C-alpha atoms as a PDB file:
ATOM      1  CA  UNK A   1      61.718 -69.301 -31.060  1.00  0.00           C
ATOM      2  CA  UNK A   2      63.708 -72.393 -32.016  1.00  0.00           C
ATOM      3  CA  UNK A   3      63.477 -75.345 -29.628  1.00  0.00           C
ATOM      4  CA  UNK A   4      65.914 -78.246 -29.321  1.00  0.00           C
ATOM      5  CA  UNK A   5      65.439 -81.070 -26.836  1.00  0.00           C
ATOM      6  CA  UNK A   6      67.899 -83.781 -26.004  1.00  0.00           C
ATOM      7  CA  UNK A   7      69.788 -85.833 -23.470  1.00  0.00           C
ATOM      8  CA  UNK A   8      72.901 -84.161 -22.043  1.00  0.00           C
ATOM      9  CA  UNK A   9      76.066 -86.099 -22.877  1.00  0.00           C
ATOM     10  CA  UNK A  10      79.566 -85.704 -21.524  1.00  0.00           C
ATOM     11  CA  UNK A  11      81.846 -83.749 -23.832  1.00  0.00           C
ATOM     12  CA  UNK A  12      85.609 -83.364 -23.884  1.00  0.00           C
ATOM     13  CA  UNK A  13      85.537 -80.938 -20.902  1.00  0.00           C
ATOM     14  CA  UNK A  14      87.141 -78.039 -22.817  1.00  0.00           C
ATOM     15  CA  UNK A  15      84.440 -75.598 -21.726  1.00  0.00           C
ATOM     16  CA  UNK A  16      84.967 -76.559 -18.097  1.00  0.00           C
ATOM     17  CA  UNK A  17      88.739 -76.090 -18.464  1.00  0.00           C
ATOM     18  CA  UNK A  18      88.159 -72.617 -19.938  1.00  0.00           C
ATOM     19  CA  UNK A  19      85.810 -71.679 -17.077  1.00  0.00           C
ATOM     20  CA  UNK A  20      82.580 -72.214 -19.040  1.00  0.00           C
ATOM     21  CA  UNK A  21      81.149 -75.682 -18.303  1.00  0.00           C
ATOM     22  CA  UNK A  22      78.502 -76.726 -20.799  1.00  0.00           C
ATOM     23  CA  UNK A  23      75.609 -79.122 -21.183  1.00  0.00           C
ATOM     24  CA  UNK A  24      76.222 -80.869 -24.525  1.00  0.00           C
ATOM     25  CA  UNK A  25      73.627 -82.279 -26.894  1.00  0.00           C
ATOM     26  CA  UNK A  26      74.885 -83.904 -30.128  1.00  0.00           C
ATOM     27  CA  UNK A  27      73.074 -82.652 -33.242  1.00  0.00           C
ATOM     28  CA  UNK A  28      72.370 -84.707 -36.331  1.00  0.00           C
ATOM     29  CA  UNK A  29      70.151 -82.167 -38.022  1.00  0.00           C
ATOM     30  CA  UNK A  30      71.208 -79.046 -39.919  1.00  0.00           C
ATOM     31  CA  UNK A  31      67.866 -77.336 -39.224  1.00  0.00           C
ATOM     32  CA  UNK A  32      69.380 -74.750 -36.867  1.00  0.00           C
ATOM     33  CA  UNK A  33      72.064 -72.307 -37.996  1.00  0.00           C
ATOM     34  CA  UNK A  34      75.497 -72.573 -36.442  1.00  0.00           C
ATOM     35  CA  UNK A  35      76.259 -69.674 -34.142  1.00  0.00           C
ATOM     36  CA  UNK A  36      76.124 -68.360 -30.603  1.00  0.00           C
ATOM     37  CA  UNK A  37      72.704 -67.748 -29.097  1.00  0.00           C
ATOM     38  CA  UNK A  38      71.004 -66.329 -26.045  1.00  0.00           C
ATOM     39  CA  UNK A  39      68.648 -69.019 -24.777  1.00  0.00           C
ATOM     40  CA  UNK A  40      66.502 -70.334 -21.983  1.00  0.00           C
ATOM     41  CA  UNK A  41      67.179 -73.894 -20.849  1.00  0.00           C
ATOM     42  CA  UNK A  42      64.283 -75.667 -19.214  1.00  0.00           C
ATOM     43  CA  UNK A  43      65.570 -78.268 -16.799  1.00  0.00           C
ATOM     44  CA  UNK A  44      62.119 -79.137 -15.507  1.00  0.00           C
ATOM     45  CA  UNK A  45      58.735 -77.801 -16.632  1.00  0.00           C
ATOM     46  CA  UNK A  46      58.761 -75.072 -13.980  1.00  0.00           C
ATOM     47  CA  UNK A  47      62.526 -74.495 -13.744  1.00  0.00           C
ATOM     48  CA  UNK A  48      64.543 -72.588 -16.323  1.00  0.00           C
ATOM     49  CA  UNK A  49      67.951 -70.984 -16.580  1.00  0.00           C
ATOM     50  CA  UNK A  50      69.326 -68.419 -19.056  1.00  0.00           C
ATOM     51  CA  UNK A  51      72.216 -69.738 -21.132  1.00  0.00           C
ATOM     52  CA  UNK A  52      74.817 -68.832 -23.715  1.00  0.00           C
ATOM     53  CA  UNK A  53      74.533 -71.535 -26.376  1.00  0.00           C
ATOM     54  CA  UNK A  54      77.006 -72.442 -29.097  1.00  0.00           C
ATOM     55  CA  UNK A  55      75.941 -74.590 -32.039  1.00  0.00           C
ATOM     56  CA  UNK A  56      78.559 -75.907 -34.427  1.00  0.00           C
ATOM     57  CA  UNK A  57      81.596 -78.134 -34.952  1.00  0.00           C
ATOM     58  CA  UNK A  58      83.906 -76.366 -32.459  1.00  0.00           C
ATOM     59  CA  UNK A  59      86.145 -75.227 -35.299  1.00  0.00           C
ATOM     60  CA  UNK A  60      88.806 -73.733 -33.024  1.00  0.00           C
ATOM     61  CA  UNK A  61      89.636 -77.258 -31.854  1.00  0.00           C
ATOM     62  CA  UNK A  62      88.385 -79.531 -34.649  1.00  0.00           C
ATOM     63  CA  UNK A  63      88.317 -77.409 -37.835  1.00  0.00           C
ATOM     64  CA  UNK A  64      85.371 -78.620 -39.913  1.00  0.00           C
ATOM     65  CA  UNK A  65      85.750 -82.279 -38.925  1.00  0.00           C
ATOM     66  CA  UNK A  66      84.258 -81.990 -35.437  1.00  0.00           C
ATOM     67  CA  UNK A  67      80.880 -83.414 -34.511  1.00  0.00           C
ATOM     68  CA  UNK A  68      78.106 -80.857 -34.659  1.00  0.00           C
ATOM     69  CA  UNK A  69      76.963 -80.169 -31.101  1.00  0.00           C
ATOM     70  CA  UNK A  70      74.865 -77.808 -29.019  1.00  0.00           C
ATOM     71  CA  UNK A  71      76.847 -76.561 -26.016  1.00  0.00           C
ATOM     72  CA  UNK A  72      74.835 -74.645 -23.397  1.00  0.00           C
ATOM     73  CA  UNK A  73      76.624 -72.668 -20.675  1.00  0.00           C
ATOM     74  CA  UNK A  74      73.899 -72.194 -18.065  1.00  0.00           C
ATOM     75  CA  UNK A  75      74.149 -69.004 -15.998  1.00  0.00           C
ATOM     76  CA  UNK A  76      73.661 -69.301 -12.211  1.00  0.00           C
ATOM     77  CA  UNK A  77      73.809 -73.085 -12.427  1.00  0.00           C
ATOM     78  CA  UNK A  78      76.155 -75.646 -10.928  1.00  0.00           C
ATOM     79  CA  UNK A  79      74.404 -79.032 -11.002  1.00  0.00           C
ATOM     80  CA  UNK A  80      75.072 -82.291 -12.795  1.00  0.00           C
ATOM     81  CA  UNK A  81      72.975 -82.712 -15.960  1.00  0.00           C
ATOM     82  CA  UNK A  82      74.533 -85.773 -17.633  1.00  0.00           C
ATOM     83  CA  UNK A  83      71.828 -88.164 -18.770  1.00  0.00           C
ATOM     84  CA  UNK A  84      69.008 -85.673 -18.190  1.00  0.00           C
ATOM     85  CA  UNK A  85      66.667 -84.394 -20.874  1.00  0.00           C
ATOM     86  CA  UNK A  86      66.688 -80.623 -21.265  1.00  0.00           C
ATOM     87  CA  UNK A  87      64.790 -78.243 -23.512  1.00  0.00           C
ATOM     88  CA  UNK A  88      66.828 -75.428 -25.087  1.00  0.00           C
ATOM     89  CA  UNK A  89      64.814 -72.469 -26.367  1.00  0.00           C
ATOM     90  CA  UNK A  90      67.016 -70.386 -28.664  1.00  0.00           C
ATOM     91  CA  UNK A  91      65.759 -66.830 -28.422  1.00  0.00           C
ATOM     92  CA  UNK A  92      68.309 -64.487 -29.990  1.00  0.00           C
ATOM     93  CA  UNK A  93      71.316 -65.094 -32.213  1.00  0.00           C
ATOM     94  CA  UNK A  94      74.333 -63.197 -30.889  1.00  0.00           C
ATOM     95  CA  UNK A  95      76.905 -63.941 -33.578  1.00  0.00           C
ATOM     96  CA  UNK A  96      78.051 -66.522 -36.149  1.00  0.00           C
ATOM     97  CA  UNK A  97      80.554 -69.253 -35.302  1.00  0.00           C
ATOM     98  CA  UNK A  98      84.198 -68.234 -35.575  1.00  0.00           C
ATOM     99  CA  UNK A  99      87.572 -69.946 -35.492  1.00  0.00           C
ATOM    100  CA  UNK A 100      89.912 -68.425 -32.900  1.00  0.00           C
ATOM    101  CA  UNK A 101      93.693 -68.382 -33.184  1.00  0.00           C
ATOM    102  CA  UNK A 102      94.232 -69.001 -29.458  1.00  0.00           C
ATOM    103  CA  UNK A 103      92.293 -70.323 -26.484  1.00  0.00           C
ATOM    104  CA  UNK A 104      92.859 -66.918 -24.841  1.00  0.00           C
ATOM    105  CA  UNK A 105      91.037 -65.186 -27.700  1.00  0.00           C
ATOM    106  CA  UNK A 106      88.233 -67.740 -27.462  1.00  0.00           C
ATOM    107  CA  UNK A 107      87.973 -67.263 -23.691  1.00  0.00           C
ATOM    108  CA  UNK A 108      87.800 -63.480 -24.072  1.00  0.00           C
ATOM    109  CA  UNK A 109      84.966 -63.859 -26.589  1.00  0.00           C
ATOM    110  CA  UNK A 110      83.141 -66.306 -24.281  1.00  0.00           C
ATOM    111  CA  UNK A 111      83.227 -63.701 -21.488  1.00  0.00           C
ATOM    112  CA  UNK A 112      81.681 -61.181 -23.890  1.00  0.00           C
ATOM    113  CA  UNK A 113      79.035 -63.677 -25.026  1.00  0.00           C
ATOM    114  CA  UNK A 114      78.067 -64.511 -21.433  1.00  0.00           C
ATOM    115  CA  UNK A 115      77.854 -60.808 -20.573  1.00  0.00           C
ATOM    116  CA  UNK A 116      75.550 -60.207 -23.558  1.00  0.00           C
ATOM    117  CA  UNK A 117      73.328 -63.127 -22.509  1.00  0.00           C
ATOM    118  CA  UNK A 118      73.255 -61.817 -18.946  1.00  0.00           C
ATOM    119  CA  UNK A 119      72.167 -58.372 -20.144  1.00  0.00           C
ATOM    120  CA  UNK A 120      69.603 -59.887 -22.528  1.00  0.00           C
ATOM    121  CA  UNK A 121      68.162 -62.132 -19.818  1.00  0.00           C
ATOM    122  CA  UNK A 122      67.874 -59.287 -17.297  1.00  0.00           C
ATOM    123  CA  UNK A 123      66.008 -57.229 -19.888  1.00  0.00           C
ATOM    124  CA  UNK A 124      63.637 -59.988 -21.015  1.00  0.00           C
ATOM    125  CA  UNK A 125      63.363 -62.009 -17.804  1.00  0.00           C
ATOM    126  CA  UNK A 126      63.974 -59.577 -14.932  1.00  0.00           C
ATOM    127  CA  UNK A 127      62.830 -61.972 -12.205  1.00  0.00           C
ATOM    128  CA  UNK A 128      64.637 -65.293 -12.286  1.00  0.00           C
ATOM    129  CA  UNK A 129      62.980 -68.126 -10.345  1.00  0.00           C
ATOM    130  CA  UNK A 130      65.954 -68.568  -8.018  1.00  0.00           C
ATOM    131  CA  UNK A 131      67.948 -65.350  -8.373  1.00  0.00           C
ATOM    132  CA  UNK A 132      67.264 -61.713  -7.739  1.00  0.00           C
ATOM    133  CA  UNK A 133      68.618 -58.690  -9.591  1.00  0.00           C
ATOM    134  CA  UNK A 134      71.328 -58.059  -6.956  1.00  0.00           C
ATOM    135  CA  UNK A 135      72.698 -61.590  -7.455  1.00  0.00           C
ATOM    136  CA  UNK A 136      72.537 -61.155 -11.232  1.00  0.00           C
ATOM    137  CA  UNK A 137      74.477 -57.890 -10.969  1.00  0.00           C
ATOM    138  CA  UNK A 138      77.102 -59.664  -8.861  1.00  0.00           C
ATOM    139  CA  UNK A 139      77.422 -62.320 -11.568  1.00  0.00           C
ATOM    140  CA  UNK A 140      77.806 -59.564 -14.179  1.00  0.00           C
ATOM    141  CA  UNK A 141      80.564 -57.893 -12.136  1.00  0.00           C
ATOM    142  CA  UNK A 142      82.345 -61.243 -11.686  1.00  0.00           C
ATOM    143  CA  UNK A 143      82.081 -61.970 -15.421  1.00  0.00           C
ATOM    144  CA  UNK A 144      83.563 -58.587 -16.244  1.00  0.00           C
ATOM    145  CA  UNK A 145      86.371 -58.915 -13.697  1.00  0.00           C
ATOM    146  CA  UNK A 146      87.268 -62.372 -15.031  1.00  0.00           C
ATOM    147  CA  UNK A 147      87.486 -60.936 -18.547  1.00  0.00           C
ATOM    148  CA  UNK A 148      90.179 -58.454 -17.544  1.00  0.00           C
END
């Protein structure tokens, strides 16, 4: 498992505008491959949340000139994290980074990525600290309905 820790910084709010708010950690190192990952984000030592994590330059918006950043979309989470230290445990790589022709194509892919992370997390972590399987299934249904 690959672990990245850092302080959450405010980004340009694109994820939020697309319906996928993220916790952003700037990356200076090239030690971790760019791509989209299934991860666990530890907010506190005994509190964790599954997340879809993107690592890269956000090529759809910035080509290759964008700052390299870790963007974590935490499932079942709606709290402010700016200025807080989080620990991101990358567990499974879902796909490489891609450049999308439109924001609609990107949004469709994000729905698919979140669904894959949801399925992965239910398989590997069936009992979330603050959510039960019925709530997780409701989130999955909502994710799928938003994608259509």
